[in-house]
Amino acid sequence: MPAKKAEPVAAEKKMPWHEFSVTVETVVRWRDLDSYNHINNSVYLNYFEEGRIAYLYKIAELAGLKPAASHEGAASGQPLKAAFDGFSSTLTKTEVEYKGQGFLHETLVIGIRYTAVRKIFMEAEYGIWVKDDKRLLARGKSVQVAIGGSGKDFKPTRVNEKFIEFAQKLEGDRLIVVR
């Protein structure tokens, strides 16, 4: 009789970030600090962006793009454009609730999940923790608008159906979809 495999998922569920569908780690850099030697409040928006980029990588992976293809231009949304016929998005609203202070060289875990897709809008939630002691540093929300077109012709458009399909694979039934 074959040995049973241990379930690493059980250990991960003990982590406070387990409810987020995508996580990414980053290390606090000196440039992230303010004059009080803790993370500057504005930097949390950059960390949210890192989370969104990690989500794009995951969507690109689910769409069958190779890592090299999804890596090129990730910050500009290229994985989405390549996978979904020019579909992209732009950030329109962000909220941050600060819960603690982060310091130089701490490893952070950034969690992101999409909570709703409403016609042209995509709503996300974030959490940022210090990995070692699981200390919550910030929570946040954002709204993005789906855009299509090119050059000066960018305009709001409905969220691409393929994106919704892959987001539902990541988020499951908790993703609200209004077409």
Foldseek 3Di string as FASTA:
>chain_A
DDDDDDDPLVVVVVAPQNLFLDKDKDWDAQVQADPVQWGDPVCVVVVVLVQVLRVLQQLLVVLPHDNVQCPPPSSVSNSCCVSFVQKDKDWDDKDKDFDDTHHHGFMKMKGKAWQEFAFFKTKMKIWIARVPVSHTGMIMMTIIGMWGDDDPPIDGGGDGPSSVVSSCVSNPPRYHYHD
